[in-house]
């Protein structure tokens, strides 16, 4: 691809931001995919990026993390994105992808805005929305039926409680509920609450496995009795439900219910989010609001208002990325700035503010064990947003 370094840098920057269009975009894509030119282009971008190795956002072990873990993906379609893996023949090839995410893997937004998502015409008065940092415990906390609270972080493995005829055993970041020897006459409920920046797992007495995301809680009976198995959720959790044909498993969240017989699915409905999302990986679930029942198939995600109304189905997302939070990964697939800021606030236990004039959608994925500064830096590279430190908070403003 005959062009000088400055021209190549300009094309690559426009490509990342999604502003490269028409014939130039087609030629650049072809050059990247062509074995005869693609490697040379990536190596040249790697050399350009080596000049930025003093970036304060990049810590000392970036290269080892990249060479071992980084996989970059890029949107290569003008309407419906699909993923294209870039070869990793050398560290320079991988280093070239630092322009996208530094220590993260991601794919950029390209011409996929709906009319509702496009920036509004005219200039709007600046409106800052704050993502509140709600008081949170420093530990994952188990609340027993008698009201006792047990901080689980740092507690030695072993039996942490005996109540309702069942023992509760801690195994690192997992609680396991045994089957009650004698079921109590009155159902006994326990609650597990995670703080911002924390996650936890629990195996319920019926064998159902639950992963709790940050700032989430689940209330459940020590032992299930009757014709249904029912739990209450705040925040986000991934469930692998033990199959019982005769007793459906029900997750209550807000005014809605997710009904299951045995399946793998994710439910997200934080109190500060405007909607409830249910994502199905295996089996079959139904999202119920009042008398209306919406059935999901594997690969589907339902979105509904917190009241359970206005249910919509989405079928074009990578459901395995949706549950990447279990390993600490962050994933945004067409999210607005409010959703991005709320997720970052919960994941990193920080206060974030955002300007409502930012109307773009964000498509990005970041691996676990990242730093907030690295994630913000990568998001800034989209050319859609800029982050400023505002006292003890961060503020997202238009680029």
Protein backbone atom coordinates (compact mmCIF):
# COMPACT_ATOMS: atom_id res chain seq x y z
CA UNK A 1 0.00 0.00 0.00
CA UNK A 2 2.07 2.89 -1.31
CA UNK A 3 1.60 5.82 1.08
CA UNK A 4 3.65 7.75 3.59
CA UNK A 5 3.52 7.20 7.33
CA UNK A 6 1.40 10.27 8.02
CA UNK A 7 -1.22 9.24 5.45
CA UNK A 8 -1.34 5.68 6.84
CA UNK A 9 -1.81 7.00 10.38
CA UNK A 10 -4.64 9.25 9.19
CA UNK A 11 -6.42 6.39 7.41
CA UNK A 12 -6.05 4.07 10.40
CA UNK A 13 -7.39 6.71 12.80
CA UNK A 14 -10.40 7.34 10.54
CA UNK A 15 -10.96 3.60 10.20
CA UNK A 16 -10.99 3.09 13.99
CA UNK A 17 -13.44 5.97 14.48
CA UNK A 18 -15.75 4.73 11.74
CA UNK A 19 -15.36 7.87 9.63
CA UNK A 20 -13.54 6.20 6.73
CA UNK A 21 -16.13 5.79 3.99
CA UNK A 22 -16.67 4.94 0.35
CA UNK A 23 -13.86 3.76 -1.90
CA UNK A 24 -11.17 4.62 0.63
CA UNK A 25 -12.80 2.34 3.19
CA UNK A 26 -13.07 -0.51 0.66
CA UNK A 27 -9.42 -0.16 -0.38
CA UNK A 28 -8.21 0.00 3.20
CA UNK A 29 -10.18 -3.11 4.16
CA UNK A 30 -8.80 -5.00 1.17
CA UNK A 31 -5.26 -3.95 2.07
CA UNK A 32 -5.68 -5.10 5.66
CA UNK A 33 -7.06 -8.49 4.58
CA UNK A 34 -4.55 -9.06 1.78
CA UNK A 35 -1.70 -11.30 3.05
CA UNK A 36 0.68 -9.41 0.75
CA UNK A 37 0.04 -6.03 2.37
CA UNK A 38 -1.83 -6.54 5.64
CA UNK A 39 1.18 -7.68 7.69
CA UNK A 40 3.27 -4.76 6.46
CA UNK A 41 0.53 -2.29 7.37
CA UNK A 42 0.16 -3.70 10.85
CA UNK A 43 3.91 -3.66 11.42
CA UNK A 44 4.10 -0.03 10.30
CA UNK A 45 1.30 0.87 12.71
CA UNK A 46 3.21 -1.01 15.41
CA UNK A 47 6.27 1.13 14.73
CA UNK A 48 4.15 4.26 14.94
CA UNK A 49 2.71 3.12 18.25
CA UNK A 50 6.16 2.39 19.67
CA UNK A 51 6.66 6.16 19.78
CA UNK A 52 3.84 6.28 22.35
CA UNK A 53 5.35 3.69 24.67
CA UNK A 54 5.72 6.29 27.40
CA UNK A 55 1.94 6.65 27.65
CA UNK A 56 1.16 6.95 31.40
CA UNK A 57 -1.96 4.83 30.93
CA UNK A 58 0.09 1.77 29.92
CA UNK A 59 1.77 -0.07 32.79
CA UNK A 60 4.91 -2.12 32.61
CA UNK A 61 3.48 -5.58 31.95
CA UNK A 62 1.38 -4.57 28.95
CA UNK A 63 3.48 -6.49 26.42
CA UNK A 64 3.35 -9.76 28.33
CA UNK A 65 -0.41 -9.45 28.80
CA UNK A 66 -0.91 -8.59 25.13
CA UNK A 67 1.20 -11.40 23.76
CA UNK A 68 -0.59 -13.93 25.95
CA UNK A 69 -4.17 -12.72 26.02
CA UNK A 70 -4.98 -10.03 23.47
CA UNK A 71 -7.33 -10.93 20.62
CA UNK A 72 -8.62 -8.03 18.57
CA UNK A 73 -11.86 -7.95 16.66
CA UNK A 74 -13.04 -5.34 14.22
CA UNK A 75 -16.35 -4.55 12.58
CA UNK A 76 -15.93 -5.12 8.85
CA UNK A 77 -19.49 -4.63 7.60
CA UNK A 78 -21.39 -1.43 6.92
CA UNK A 79 -24.75 -2.61 8.24
CA UNK A 80 -24.58 -5.81 10.29
CA UNK A 81 -21.20 -6.17 12.04
CA UNK A 82 -19.44 -9.49 12.07
CA UNK A 83 -16.11 -10.39 13.57
CA UNK A 84 -12.83 -10.86 11.80
CA UNK A 85 -9.80 -12.07 13.74
CA UNK A 86 -6.51 -10.39 12.91
CA UNK A 87 -3.48 -12.68 12.71
CA UNK A 88 -0.91 -12.52 15.50
CA UNK A 89 2.30 -13.41 13.70
CA UNK A 90 4.48 -11.11 15.78
CA UNK A 91 4.35 -8.82 18.77
CA UNK A 92 4.37 -5.88 16.38
CA UNK A 93 1.15 -7.14 14.80
CA UNK A 94 -0.42 -7.32 18.21
CA UNK A 95 1.06 -3.99 19.29
CA UNK A 96 -0.66 -2.36 16.35
CA UNK A 97 -3.94 -3.17 17.99
CA UNK A 98 -2.99 -1.06 21.00
CA UNK A 99 -4.43 1.85 19.08
CA UNK A 100 -7.82 0.29 19.66
CA UNK A 101 -7.73 -0.83 23.25
CA UNK A 102 -4.23 -0.96 24.74
CA UNK A 103 -4.70 -4.04 26.96
CA UNK A 104 -8.20 -4.89 25.76
CA UNK A 105 -9.84 -6.52 22.79
CA UNK A 106 -12.68 -4.70 21.12
CA UNK A 107 -14.56 -4.00 17.92
CA UNK A 108 -15.52 -0.51 16.78
CA UNK A 109 -18.87 0.95 15.81
CA UNK A 110 -19.26 1.37 12.05
CA UNK A 111 -22.34 2.91 10.43
CA UNK A 112 -24.84 1.08 12.60
CA UNK A 113 -26.77 3.94 14.13
CA UNK A 114 -30.52 3.84 13.93
CA UNK A 115 -32.31 7.16 13.37
CA UNK A 116 -33.07 7.29 17.08
CA UNK A 117 -29.39 6.86 17.93
CA UNK A 118 -28.05 9.59 15.68
CA UNK A 119 -26.87 12.84 17.27
CA UNK A 120 -29.66 15.37 17.65
CA UNK A 121 -29.70 18.39 15.38
CA UNK A 122 -28.85 21.74 16.90
CA UNK A 123 -27.10 22.51 20.14
CA UNK A 124 -28.63 21.26 23.36
CA UNK A 125 -28.07 22.77 26.77
CA UNK A 126 -25.40 20.78 28.52
CA UNK A 127 -26.99 18.33 30.94
CA UNK A 128 -24.83 16.26 33.24
CA UNK A 129 -26.27 13.04 34.66
CA UNK A 130 -24.55 11.56 37.66
CA UNK A 131 -24.17 7.85 38.27
CA UNK A 132 -24.49 7.77 42.06
CA UNK A 133 -22.03 5.80 44.11
CA UNK A 134 -24.46 4.10 46.48
CA UNK A 135 -23.08 3.05 49.86
CA UNK A 136 -21.81 -0.50 49.57
CA UNK A 137 -20.31 -2.91 52.03
CA UNK A 138 -16.61 -3.62 51.69
CA UNK A 139 -17.39 -7.33 51.65
CA UNK A 140 -19.69 -9.87 50.10
CA UNK A 141 -22.27 -10.28 52.85
CA UNK A 142 -24.46 -13.28 53.69
CA UNK A 143 -27.58 -12.37 55.68
CA UNK A 144 -29.16 -15.28 57.56
CA UNK A 145 -32.81 -15.83 58.32
CA UNK A 146 -32.32 -14.56 61.89
CA UNK A 147 -30.88 -11.28 60.57
CA UNK A 148 -27.24 -12.06 61.32
CA UNK A 149 -24.78 -10.67 58.74
CA UNK A 150 -21.64 -12.60 57.83
CA UNK A 151 -18.88 -10.88 55.78
CA UNK A 152 -17.52 -13.63 53.53
CA UNK A 153 -14.37 -11.99 52.14
CA UNK A 154 -11.32 -13.22 53.97
CA UNK A 155 -13.25 -15.83 55.91
CA UNK A 156 -11.60 -19.24 56.04
CA UNK A 157 -13.09 -22.06 54.01
CA UNK A 158 -15.46 -24.36 55.81
CA UNK A 159 -18.92 -24.27 57.37
CA UNK A 160 -20.01 -20.66 57.93
CA UNK A 161 -23.58 -21.29 59.12
CA UNK A 162 -26.13 -23.96 60.01
CA UNK A 163 -29.75 -22.89 59.76
CA UNK A 164 -33.03 -24.38 58.67
CA UNK A 165 -31.65 -27.91 58.92
CA UNK A 166 -28.96 -27.22 56.29
CA UNK A 167 -25.27 -26.38 56.42
CA UNK A 168 -23.67 -23.54 54.44
CA UNK A 169 -20.10 -24.24 53.34
CA UNK A 170 -17.62 -21.68 51.94
CA UNK A 171 -15.14 -22.76 49.28
CA UNK A 172 -13.05 -19.76 48.26
CA UNK A 173 -15.50 -17.47 46.37
CA UNK A 174 -18.33 -19.99 46.45
CA UNK A 175 -21.08 -20.84 48.94
CA UNK A 176 -22.59 -24.32 48.80
CA UNK A 177 -25.96 -25.09 50.41
CA UNK A 178 -26.52 -28.63 51.56
CA UNK A 179 -29.87 -30.39 51.51
CA UNK A 180 -31.81 -29.77 54.69
CA UNK A 181 -32.04 -32.82 56.92
CA UNK A 182 -35.37 -31.59 58.25
CA UNK A 183 -37.22 -28.91 56.29
CA UNK A 184 -38.43 -26.02 58.49
CA UNK A 185 -42.17 -25.53 58.83
CA UNK A 186 -41.80 -21.89 57.78
CA UNK A 187 -39.55 -21.14 54.78
CA UNK A 188 -36.24 -19.64 55.85
CA UNK A 189 -34.58 -17.15 53.49
CA UNK A 190 -30.97 -16.10 53.08
CA UNK A 191 -29.59 -13.16 51.10
CA UNK A 192 -26.18 -12.68 49.46
CA UNK A 193 -25.14 -9.15 48.48
CA UNK A 194 -22.02 -8.24 46.51
CA UNK A 195 -20.35 -4.81 46.68
CA UNK A 196 -19.36 -2.69 43.70
CA UNK A 197 -16.31 -4.24 42.12
CA UNK A 198 -17.09 -7.68 43.62
CA UNK A 199 -18.55 -10.97 42.35
CA UNK A 200 -19.58 -14.22 44.02
CA UNK A 201 -21.03 -17.68 43.39
CA UNK A 202 -23.59 -19.76 45.24
CA UNK A 203 -24.85 -23.30 44.75
CA UNK A 204 -28.44 -23.49 45.94
CA UNK A 205 -29.86 -26.51 47.74
CA UNK A 206 -31.48 -27.90 44.56
CA UNK A 207 -28.14 -27.87 42.70
CA UNK A 208 -28.76 -24.63 40.79
CA UNK A 209 -25.59 -22.60 40.33
CA UNK A 210 -25.69 -18.79 40.48
CA UNK A 211 -23.00 -16.25 39.62
CA UNK A 212 -23.62 -12.77 41.06
CA UNK A 213 -22.18 -9.69 39.37
CA UNK A 214 -21.04 -6.53 41.17
CA UNK A 215 -23.56 -4.59 43.28
CA UNK A 216 -26.07 -7.46 43.07
CA UNK A 217 -28.13 -9.44 45.54
CA UNK A 218 -30.15 -12.63 45.62
CA UNK A 219 -32.72 -13.73 48.19
CA UNK A 220 -33.53 -17.46 48.24
CA UNK A 221 -34.90 -20.15 50.55
CA UNK A 222 -32.42 -22.32 52.42
CA UNK A 223 -34.35 -25.28 51.03
CA UNK A 224 -37.02 -25.28 48.32
CA UNK A 225 -40.46 -26.66 49.10
CA UNK A 226 -43.78 -26.65 47.30
CA UNK A 227 -44.50 -26.68 43.59
CA UNK A 228 -42.08 -23.92 42.51
CA UNK A 229 -38.53 -22.80 43.21
CA UNK A 230 -38.45 -19.02 43.50
CA UNK A 231 -35.66 -16.50 44.13
CA UNK A 232 -35.53 -12.70 44.07
CA UNK A 233 -32.76 -10.84 42.27
CA UNK A 234 -31.45 -7.30 42.29
CA UNK A 235 -28.65 -6.41 39.87
CA UNK A 236 -27.30 -9.13 37.59
CA UNK A 237 -26.79 -12.88 37.83
CA UNK A 238 -26.08 -15.86 35.60
CA UNK A 239 -28.02 -19.04 36.38
CA UNK A 240 -27.42 -22.70 35.57
CA UNK A 241 -30.70 -24.15 36.77
CA UNK A 242 -30.95 -27.75 37.94
CA UNK A 243 -33.56 -29.47 35.79
CA UNK A 244 -36.82 -30.39 37.53
CA UNK A 245 -39.77 -30.85 35.19
CA UNK A 246 -42.31 -30.81 38.00
CA UNK A 247 -40.99 -27.65 39.69
CA UNK A 248 -40.26 -24.60 37.55
CA UNK A 249 -37.55 -22.19 38.66
CA UNK A 250 -38.65 -18.55 38.87
CA UNK A 251 -36.50 -15.44 39.12
CA UNK A 252 -38.36 -12.35 40.34
CA UNK A 253 -36.80 -9.04 39.38
CA UNK A 254 -38.73 -5.83 39.78
CA UNK A 255 -42.31 -6.40 38.65
CA UNK A 256 -41.31 -9.12 36.18
CA UNK A 257 -40.56 -12.84 36.37
CA UNK A 258 -38.35 -15.20 34.41
CA UNK A 259 -39.77 -18.74 34.36
CA UNK A 260 -37.48 -21.71 33.80
CA UNK A 261 -37.46 -25.50 34.03
CA UNK A 262 -33.74 -26.11 33.52
CA UNK A 263 -31.46 -23.88 31.49
CA UNK A 264 -28.54 -21.44 31.37
CA UNK A 265 -29.43 -17.76 31.27
CA UNK A 266 -28.44 -14.28 32.44
CA UNK A 267 -30.72 -11.68 34.02
CA UNK A 268 -29.77 -8.02 34.49
CA UNK A 269 -32.02 -5.46 36.14
CA UNK A 270 -30.12 -2.99 38.29
CA UNK A 271 -32.25 -0.41 40.04
CA UNK A 272 -30.55 2.45 38.16
CA UNK A 273 -31.03 0.80 34.76
CA UNK A 274 -34.14 1.69 32.74
CA UNK A 275 -34.77 -1.89 31.59
CA UNK A 276 -34.53 -5.57 32.48
CA UNK A 277 -32.51 -7.82 30.17
CA UNK A 278 -32.78 -11.59 30.00
CA UNK A 279 -30.27 -13.48 27.84
CA UNK A 280 -30.71 -17.18 27.08
CA UNK A 281 -27.75 -19.46 26.36
CA UNK A 282 -29.30 -22.93 26.65
CA UNK A 283 -32.78 -24.36 27.12
CA UNK A 284 -35.94 -22.28 27.16
CA UNK A 285 -37.18 -19.47 29.38
CA UNK A 286 -40.21 -17.24 29.45
CA UNK A 287 -40.23 -13.59 30.48
CA UNK A 288 -43.54 -12.86 32.18
CA UNK A 289 -45.15 -9.54 32.93
CA UNK A 290 -48.67 -9.87 34.26
CA UNK A 291 -50.46 -12.36 32.02
CA UNK A 292 -48.15 -11.77 29.03
CA UNK A 293 -45.43 -14.36 28.45
CA UNK A 294 -42.56 -13.86 25.97
CA UNK A 295 -40.62 -17.03 25.14
CA UNK A 296 -36.89 -16.93 24.43
CA UNK A 297 -34.82 -19.33 22.38
CA UNK A 298 -31.06 -19.88 22.80
CA UNK A 299 -29.26 -16.79 21.54
CA UNK A 300 -32.17 -14.44 22.31
CA UNK A 301 -32.15 -11.47 24.62
CA UNK A 302 -35.32 -9.82 25.85
CA UNK A 303 -35.40 -6.18 26.89
CA UNK A 304 -38.29 -4.75 28.87
CA UNK A 305 -39.09 -1.72 30.95
CA UNK A 306 -38.65 -2.21 34.68
CA UNK A 307 -42.41 -2.54 34.93
CA UNK A 308 -42.10 -5.54 32.60
CA UNK A 309 -43.91 -3.76 29.79
CA UNK A 310 -42.77 -3.18 26.18
CA UNK A 311 -40.83 -6.43 25.76
CA UNK A 312 -38.49 -6.56 22.76
CA UNK A 313 -36.39 -9.46 21.48
CA UNK A 314 -32.88 -9.18 20.13
CA UNK A 315 -31.25 -12.04 18.23
CA UNK A 316 -28.01 -10.62 16.80
CA UNK A 317 -25.72 -10.38 19.83
CA UNK A 318 -22.97 -12.65 21.08
CA UNK A 319 -24.57 -14.16 24.18
CA UNK A 320 -21.24 -15.53 25.41
CA UNK A 321 -19.88 -11.99 25.57
CA UNK A 322 -22.91 -11.00 27.64
CA UNK A 323 -21.80 -13.33 30.43
CA UNK A 324 -18.13 -12.36 30.17
CA UNK A 325 -18.55 -10.41 33.40
CA UNK A 326 -18.15 -13.72 35.26
CA UNK A 327 -14.44 -13.53 34.36
CA UNK A 328 -14.33 -9.78 34.93
CA UNK A 329 -14.71 -8.82 31.27
CA UNK A 330 -16.66 -5.76 30.19
CA UNK A 331 -18.75 -5.87 27.02
CA UNK A 332 -20.75 -3.11 25.35
CA UNK A 333 -22.80 -3.95 22.28
CA UNK A 334 -24.60 -0.88 21.04
CA UNK A 335 -24.86 0.71 24.50
CA UNK A 336 -25.47 4.40 25.12
CA UNK A 337 -23.16 6.49 27.31
CA UNK A 338 -25.47 6.13 30.31
CA UNK A 339 -25.29 2.33 30.24
CA UNK A 340 -21.51 2.45 29.74
CA UNK A 341 -21.02 4.78 32.71
CA UNK A 342 -23.29 2.74 34.97
CA UNK A 343 -21.42 -0.47 34.13
CA UNK A 344 -18.03 1.16 34.73
CA UNK A 345 -19.26 2.65 38.00
CA UNK A 346 -20.28 -0.79 39.28
CA UNK A 347 -17.22 -2.61 37.97
CA UNK A 348 -14.62 -0.17 39.32
CA UNK A 349 -16.50 1.28 42.30
CA UNK A 350 -16.17 4.88 41.07
CA UNK A 351 -18.45 7.84 40.53
CA UNK A 352 -19.13 8.75 36.90
CA UNK A 353 -21.01 11.63 35.34
CA UNK A 354 -22.04 11.90 31.71
CA UNK A 355 -23.25 14.57 29.32
CA UNK A 356 -26.60 13.68 27.73
CA UNK A 357 -25.49 15.32 24.49
CA UNK A 358 -23.38 12.21 23.83
CA UNK A 359 -25.77 10.27 21.61
CA UNK A 360 -23.53 7.65 19.99
CA UNK A 361 -23.61 3.91 20.58
CA UNK A 362 -20.55 2.04 21.86
CA UNK A 363 -19.30 -1.39 20.80
CA UNK A 364 -16.33 -2.59 22.84
CA UNK A 365 -14.99 -5.52 24.87
CA UNK A 366 -12.32 -5.43 27.55
CA UNK A 367 -10.66 -8.39 29.28
CA UNK A 368 -10.62 -8.80 33.04
CA UNK A 369 -8.13 -7.35 35.46
CA UNK A 370 -8.04 -4.08 33.54
CA UNK A 371 -7.65 -0.63 34.98
CA UNK A 372 -10.26 2.10 34.73
CA UNK A 373 -7.80 4.53 33.13
CA UNK A 374 -7.02 2.02 30.38
CA UNK A 375 -10.69 1.45 29.61
CA UNK A 376 -11.42 5.20 29.51
CA UNK A 377 -8.42 5.77 27.25
CA UNK A 378 -9.64 3.12 24.83
CA UNK A 379 -13.16 4.56 24.75
CA UNK A 380 -11.71 7.98 24.02
CA UNK A 381 -10.00 6.52 20.95
CA UNK A 382 -13.40 6.04 19.33
CA UNK A 383 -13.50 9.79 18.90
CA UNK A 384 -16.99 9.90 20.42
CA UNK A 385 -16.28 10.79 24.03
CA UNK A 386 -13.70 12.35 26.30
CA UNK A 387 -13.27 11.71 30.05
CA UNK A 388 -12.25 14.38 32.54
CA UNK A 389 -11.38 14.00 36.21
CA UNK A 390 -13.87 15.97 38.28
CA UNK A 391 -12.82 15.88 41.92
CA UNK A 392 -13.40 12.33 43.13
CA UNK A 393 -15.42 11.49 40.02
CA UNK A 394 -14.95 11.11 36.27
CA UNK A 395 -17.03 13.01 33.72
CA UNK A 396 -17.82 11.92 30.15
CA UNK A 397 -18.16 14.85 27.76
CA UNK A 398 -18.53 15.11 23.97
CA UNK A 399 -15.27 14.68 22.08
